[in-house]
Amino acid sequence: MLEYHLKGQNKLIIRPSGTEPKIKVYLSAAGKSNAGVEAINTTLTNAVFNLVKSIASI
């Protein structure tokens, strides 16, 4: 399991599934408003998607 503590109390957790051959990704976003949290969540989601996409193309 990998757990990254990011700036502003945000987290990214990557772990294998316990029952399936899958990798699970969890995002935890903290902010002062719902809009701020949504923006952070969108940024993290896009970063993870791009990372997985680049790894899959190797």
PDB file of N, CA and C in Angstrom:
ATOM      1  N   MET A   1       0.845  -1.169   0.000  1.00  0.00           N
ATOM      2  CA  MET A   1       0.000   0.000   0.000  1.00  0.00           C
ATOM      3  C   MET A   1       0.894   1.238   0.000  1.00  0.00           C
ATOM      4  N   LEU A   2       0.516   2.199  -0.813  1.00  0.00           N
ATOM      5  CA  LEU A   2       1.219   3.481  -0.859  1.00  0.00           C
ATOM      6  C   LEU A   2       0.263   4.557  -0.388  1.00  0.00           C
ATOM      7  N   GLU A   3       0.723   5.371   0.542  1.00  0.00           N
ATOM      8  CA  GLU A   3      -0.091   6.482   1.023  1.00  0.00           C
ATOM      9  C   GLU A   3       0.743   7.749   0.931  1.00  0.00           C
ATOM     10  N   TYR A   4       0.272   8.683   0.112  1.00  0.00           N
ATOM     11  CA  TYR A   4       0.964   9.949  -0.085  1.00  0.00           C
ATOM     12  C   TYR A   4       0.208  11.051   0.641  1.00  0.00           C
ATOM     13  N   HIS A   5       0.901  11.744   1.514  1.00  0.00           N
ATOM     14  CA  HIS A   5       0.330  12.899   2.205  1.00  0.00           C
ATOM     15  C   HIS A   5       0.737  14.129   1.408  1.00  0.00           C
ATOM     16  N   LEU A   6      -0.237  14.790   0.825  1.00  0.00           N
ATOM     17  CA  LEU A   6      -0.001  15.906  -0.066  1.00  0.00           C
ATOM     18  C   LEU A   6      -0.239  17.226   0.650  1.00  0.00           C
ATOM     19  N   LYS A   7       0.134  18.282  -0.015  1.00  0.00           N
ATOM     20  CA  LYS A   7      -0.046  19.635   0.516  1.00  0.00           C
ATOM     21  C   LYS A   7      -1.514  19.883   0.885  1.00  0.00           C
ATOM     22  N   GLY A   8      -1.732  20.575   1.993  1.00  0.00           N
ATOM     23  CA  GLY A   8      -3.089  20.958   2.379  1.00  0.00           C
ATOM     24  C   GLY A   8      -3.930  19.825   2.946  1.00  0.00           C
ATOM     25  N   GLN A   9      -3.339  18.858   3.581  1.00  0.00           N
ATOM     26  CA  GLN A   9      -4.038  17.720   4.181  1.00  0.00           C
ATOM     27  C   GLN A   9      -4.751  16.841   3.158  1.00  0.00           C
ATOM     28  N   ASN A  10      -4.307  16.862   1.920  1.00  0.00           N
ATOM     29  CA  ASN A  10      -4.870  15.997   0.894  1.00  0.00           C
ATOM     30  C   ASN A  10      -4.072  14.705   0.874  1.00  0.00           C
ATOM     31  N   LYS A  11      -4.722  13.608   0.476  1.00  0.00           N
ATOM     32  CA  LYS A  11      -4.064  12.308   0.448  1.00  0.00           C
ATOM     33  C   LYS A  11      -4.391  11.564  -0.835  1.00  0.00           C
ATOM     34  N   LEU A  12      -3.456  10.710  -1.215  1.00  0.00           N
ATOM     35  CA  LEU A  12      -3.626   9.776  -2.321  1.00  0.00           C
ATOM     36  C   LEU A  12      -3.199   8.418  -1.791  1.00  0.00           C
ATOM     37  N   ILE A  13      -4.086   7.436  -1.849  1.00  0.00           N
ATOM     38  CA  ILE A  13      -3.787   6.091  -1.369  1.00  0.00           C
ATOM     39  C   ILE A  13      -3.965   5.125  -2.529  1.00  0.00           C
ATOM     40  N   ILE A  14      -2.965   4.275  -2.733  1.00  0.00           N
ATOM     41  CA  ILE A  14      -2.995   3.264  -3.790  1.00  0.00           C
ATOM     42  C   ILE A  14      -2.742   1.921  -3.123  1.00  0.00           C
ATOM     43  N   ARG A  15      -3.640   0.959  -3.375  1.00  0.00           N
ATOM     44  CA  ARG A  15      -3.467  -0.357  -2.763  1.00  0.00           C
ATOM     45  C   ARG A  15      -4.045  -1.430  -3.671  1.00  0.00           C
ATOM     46  N   PRO A  16      -3.573  -2.652  -3.505  1.00  0.00           N
ATOM     47  CA  PRO A  16      -4.170  -3.738  -4.280  1.00  0.00           C
ATOM     48  C   PRO A  16      -5.509  -4.140  -3.673  1.00  0.00           C
ATOM     49  N   SER A  17      -6.380  -4.675  -4.498  1.00  0.00           N
ATOM     50  CA  SER A  17      -7.632  -5.225  -4.005  1.00  0.00           C
ATOM     51  C   SER A  17      -7.321  -6.498  -3.233  1.00  0.00           C
ATOM     52  N   GLY A  18      -8.102  -6.781  -2.223  1.00  0.00           N
ATOM     53  CA  GLY A  18      -7.890  -8.004  -1.455  1.00  0.00           C
ATOM     54  C   GLY A  18      -8.499  -9.230  -2.096  1.00  0.00           C
ATOM     55  N   THR A  19      -9.400  -9.035  -3.053  1.00  0.00           N
ATOM     56  CA  THR A  19     -10.120 -10.178  -3.625  1.00  0.00           C
ATOM     57  C   THR A  19     -10.037 -10.283  -5.142  1.00  0.00           C
ATOM     58  N   GLU A  20      -9.564  -9.241  -5.794  1.00  0.00           N
ATOM     59  CA  GLU A  20      -9.526  -9.233  -7.267  1.00  0.00           C
ATOM     60  C   GLU A  20      -8.172  -8.730  -7.740  1.00  0.00           C
ATOM     61  N   PRO A  21      -7.799  -9.052  -8.973  1.00  0.00           N
ATOM     62  CA  PRO A  21      -6.528  -8.533  -9.515  1.00  0.00           C
ATOM     63  C   PRO A  21      -6.682  -7.089  -9.989  1.00  0.00           C
ATOM     64  N   LYS A  22      -6.926  -6.192  -9.046  1.00  0.00           N
ATOM     65  CA  LYS A  22      -7.140  -4.781  -9.355  1.00  0.00           C
ATOM     66  C   LYS A  22      -6.309  -3.919  -8.424  1.00  0.00           C
ATOM     67  N   ILE A  23      -6.072  -2.703  -8.859  1.00  0.00           N
ATOM     68  CA  ILE A  23      -5.447  -1.699  -8.010  1.00  0.00           C
ATOM     69  C   ILE A  23      -6.521  -0.673  -7.674  1.00  0.00           C
ATOM     70  N   LYS A  24      -6.614  -0.339  -6.410  1.00  0.00           N
ATOM     71  CA  LYS A  24      -7.617   0.625  -5.972  1.00  0.00           C
ATOM     72  C   LYS A  24      -6.931   1.937  -5.606  1.00  0.00           C
ATOM     73  N   VAL A  25      -7.587   3.033  -5.962  1.00  0.00           N
ATOM     74  CA  VAL A  25      -7.058   4.372  -5.697  1.00  0.00           C
ATOM     75  C   VAL A  25      -8.091   5.141  -4.894  1.00  0.00           C
ATOM     76  N   TYR A  26      -7.636   5.745  -3.809  1.00  0.00           N
ATOM     77  CA  TYR A  26      -8.507   6.551  -2.961  1.00  0.00           C
ATOM     78  C   TYR A  26      -7.934   7.958  -2.885  1.00  0.00           C
ATOM     79  N   LEU A  27      -8.801   8.938  -2.995  1.00  0.00           N
ATOM     80  CA  LEU A  27      -8.408  10.337  -2.889  1.00  0.00           C
ATOM     81  C   LEU A  27      -9.099  10.944  -1.674  1.00  0.00           C
ATOM     82  N   SER A  28      -8.369  11.768  -0.958  1.00  0.00           N
ATOM     83  CA  SER A  28      -8.939  12.493   0.167  1.00  0.00           C
ATOM     84  C   SER A  28      -8.573  13.959  -0.010  1.00  0.00           C
ATOM     85  N   ALA A  29      -9.588  14.794  -0.205  1.00  0.00           N
ATOM     86  CA  ALA A  29      -9.356  16.218  -0.446  1.00  0.00           C
ATOM     87  C   ALA A  29      -9.931  17.030   0.708  1.00  0.00           C
ATOM     88  N   ALA A  30      -9.187  18.046   1.128  1.00  0.00           N
ATOM     89  CA  ALA A  30      -9.635  18.941   2.195  1.00  0.00           C
ATOM     90  C   ALA A  30      -9.583  20.370   1.685  1.00  0.00           C
ATOM     91  N   GLY A  31     -10.594  21.149   2.019  1.00  0.00           N
ATOM     92  CA  GLY A  31     -10.615  22.538   1.575  1.00  0.00           C
ATOM     93  C   GLY A  31     -11.565  23.366   2.410  1.00  0.00           C
ATOM     94  N   LYS A  32     -11.607  24.646   2.110  1.00  0.00           N
ATOM     95  CA  LYS A  32     -12.447  25.576   2.868  1.00  0.00           C
ATOM     96  C   LYS A  32     -13.883  25.621   2.370  1.00  0.00           C
ATOM     97  N   SER A  33     -14.115  25.113   1.161  1.00  0.00           N
ATOM     98  CA  SER A  33     -15.464  25.126   0.598  1.00  0.00           C
ATOM     99  C   SER A  33     -15.658  23.881  -0.255  1.00  0.00           C
ATOM    100  N   ASN A  34     -16.905  23.564  -0.552  1.00  0.00           N
ATOM    101  CA  ASN A  34     -17.191  22.422  -1.423  1.00  0.00           C
ATOM    102  C   ASN A  34     -16.560  22.605  -2.797  1.00  0.00           C
ATOM    103  N   ALA A  35     -16.614  23.830  -3.313  1.00  0.00           N
ATOM    104  CA  ALA A  35     -16.028  24.099  -4.629  1.00  0.00           C
ATOM    105  C   ALA A  35     -14.516  23.888  -4.599  1.00  0.00           C
ATOM    106  N   GLY A  36     -13.881  24.297  -3.513  1.00  0.00           N
ATOM    107  CA  GLY A  36     -12.440  24.094  -3.385  1.00  0.00           C
ATOM    108  C   GLY A  36     -12.070  22.628  -3.314  1.00  0.00           C
ATOM    109  N   VAL A  37     -12.854  21.861  -2.565  1.00  0.00           N
ATOM    110  CA  VAL A  37     -12.617  20.419  -2.459  1.00  0.00           C
ATOM    111  C   VAL A  37     -12.836  19.744  -3.811  1.00  0.00           C
ATOM    112  N   GLU A  38     -13.878  20.128  -4.511  1.00  0.00           N
ATOM    113  CA  GLU A  38     -14.138  19.553  -5.837  1.00  0.00           C
ATOM    114  C   GLU A  38     -13.002  19.856  -6.805  1.00  0.00           C
ATOM    115  N   ALA A  39     -12.459  21.066  -6.754  1.00  0.00           N
ATOM    116  CA  ALA A  39     -11.341  21.431  -7.631  1.00  0.00           C
ATOM    117  C   ALA A  39     -10.112  20.591  -7.314  1.00  0.00           C
ATOM    118  N   ILE A  40      -9.819  20.397  -6.028  1.00  0.00           N
ATOM    119  CA  ILE A  40      -8.680  19.568  -5.631  1.00  0.00           C
ATOM    120  C   ILE A  40      -8.910  18.127  -6.065  1.00  0.00           C
ATOM    121  N   ASN A  41     -10.118  17.620  -5.851  1.00  0.00           N
ATOM    122  CA  ASN A  41     -10.446  16.250  -6.235  1.00  0.00           C
ATOM    123  C   ASN A  41     -10.303  16.051  -7.741  1.00  0.00           C
ATOM    124  N   THR A  42     -10.753  17.015  -8.523  1.00  0.00           N
ATOM    125  CA  THR A  42     -10.616  16.933  -9.980  1.00  0.00           C
ATOM    126  C   THR A  42      -9.150  16.921 -10.393  1.00  0.00           C
ATOM    127  N   THR A  43      -8.338  17.767  -9.777  1.00  0.00           N
ATOM    128  CA  THR A  43      -6.909  17.815 -10.081  1.00  0.00           C
ATOM    129  C   THR A  43      -6.241  16.484  -9.742  1.00  0.00           C
ATOM    130  N   LEU A  44      -6.531  15.946  -8.561  1.00  0.00           N
ATOM    131  CA  LEU A  44      -5.948  14.662  -8.167  1.00  0.00           C
ATOM    132  C   LEU A  44      -6.415  13.530  -9.080  1.00  0.00           C
ATOM    133  N   THR A  45      -7.692  13.518  -9.412  1.00  0.00           N
ATOM    134  CA  THR A  45      -8.233  12.485 -10.297  1.00  0.00           C
ATOM    135  C   THR A  45      -7.544  12.523 -11.660  1.00  0.00           C
ATOM    136  N   ASN A  46      -7.389  13.701 -12.223  1.00  0.00           N
ATOM    137  CA  ASN A  46      -6.716  13.833 -13.516  1.00  0.00           C
ATOM    138  C   ASN A  46      -5.260  13.398 -13.443  1.00  0.00           C
ATOM    139  N   ALA A  47      -4.579  13.731 -12.357  1.00  0.00           N
ATOM    140  CA  ALA A  47      -3.177  13.341 -12.191  1.00  0.00           C
ATOM    141  C   ALA A  47      -3.036  11.822 -12.115  1.00  0.00           C
ATOM    142  N   VAL A  48      -3.914  11.180 -11.352  1.00  0.00           N
ATOM    143  CA  VAL A  48      -3.872   9.720 -11.235  1.00  0.00           C
ATOM    144  C   VAL A  48      -4.207   9.073 -12.575  1.00  0.00           C
ATOM    145  N   PHE A  49      -5.224   9.577 -13.253  1.00  0.00           N
ATOM    146  CA  PHE A  49      -5.601   9.033 -14.554  1.00  0.00           C
ATOM    147  C   PHE A  49      -4.433   9.124 -15.538  1.00  0.00           C
ATOM    148  N   ASN A  50      -3.764  10.272 -15.589  1.00  0.00           N
ATOM    149  CA  ASN A  50      -2.629  10.444 -16.498  1.00  0.00           C
ATOM    150  C   ASN A  50      -1.465   9.545 -16.120  1.00  0.00           C
ATOM    151  N   LEU A  51      -1.233   9.345 -14.834  1.00  0.00           N
ATOM    152  CA  LEU A  51      -0.165   8.459 -14.379  1.00  0.00           C
ATOM    153  C   LEU A  51      -0.443   7.021 -14.804  1.00  0.00           C
ATOM    154  N   VAL A  52      -1.656   6.550 -14.558  1.00  0.00           N
ATOM    155  CA  VAL A  52      -2.016   5.187 -14.928  1.00  0.00           C
ATOM    156  C   VAL A  52      -1.962   5.001 -16.442  1.00  0.00           C
ATOM    157  N   LYS A  53      -2.428   5.992 -17.161  1.00  0.00           N
ATOM    158  CA  LYS A  53      -2.413   5.940 -18.630  1.00  0.00           C
ATOM    159  C   LYS A  53      -0.981   5.845 -19.150  1.00  0.00           C
ATOM    160  N   SER A  54      -0.056   6.612 -18.549  1.00  0.00           N
ATOM    161  CA  SER A  54       1.342   6.580 -19.006  1.00  0.00           C
ATOM    162  C   SER A  54       2.001   5.256 -18.639  1.00  0.00           C
ATOM    163  N   ILE A  55       1.655   4.684 -17.493  1.00  0.00           N
ATOM    164  CA  ILE A  55       2.229   3.391 -17.099  1.00  0.00           C
ATOM    165  C   ILE A  55       1.696   2.286 -18.007  1.00  0.00           C
ATOM    166  N   ALA A  56       0.416   2.347 -18.349  1.00  0.00           N
ATOM    167  CA  ALA A  56      -0.205   1.322 -19.189  1.00  0.00           C
ATOM    168  C   ALA A  56       0.373   1.313 -20.604  1.00  0.00           C
ATOM    169  N   SER A  57       0.932   2.431 -21.034  1.00  0.00           N
ATOM    170  CA  SER A  57       1.467   2.493 -22.401  1.00  0.00           C
ATOM    171  C   SER A  57       2.908   1.992 -22.483  1.00  0.00           C
ATOM    172  N   ILE A  58       3.495   1.616 -21.351  1.00  0.00           N
ATOM    173  CA  ILE A  58       4.891   1.123 -21.356  1.00  0.00           C
ATOM    174  C   ILE A  58       4.940  -0.280 -21.883  1.00  0.00           C
TER     175      ILE A  58
END
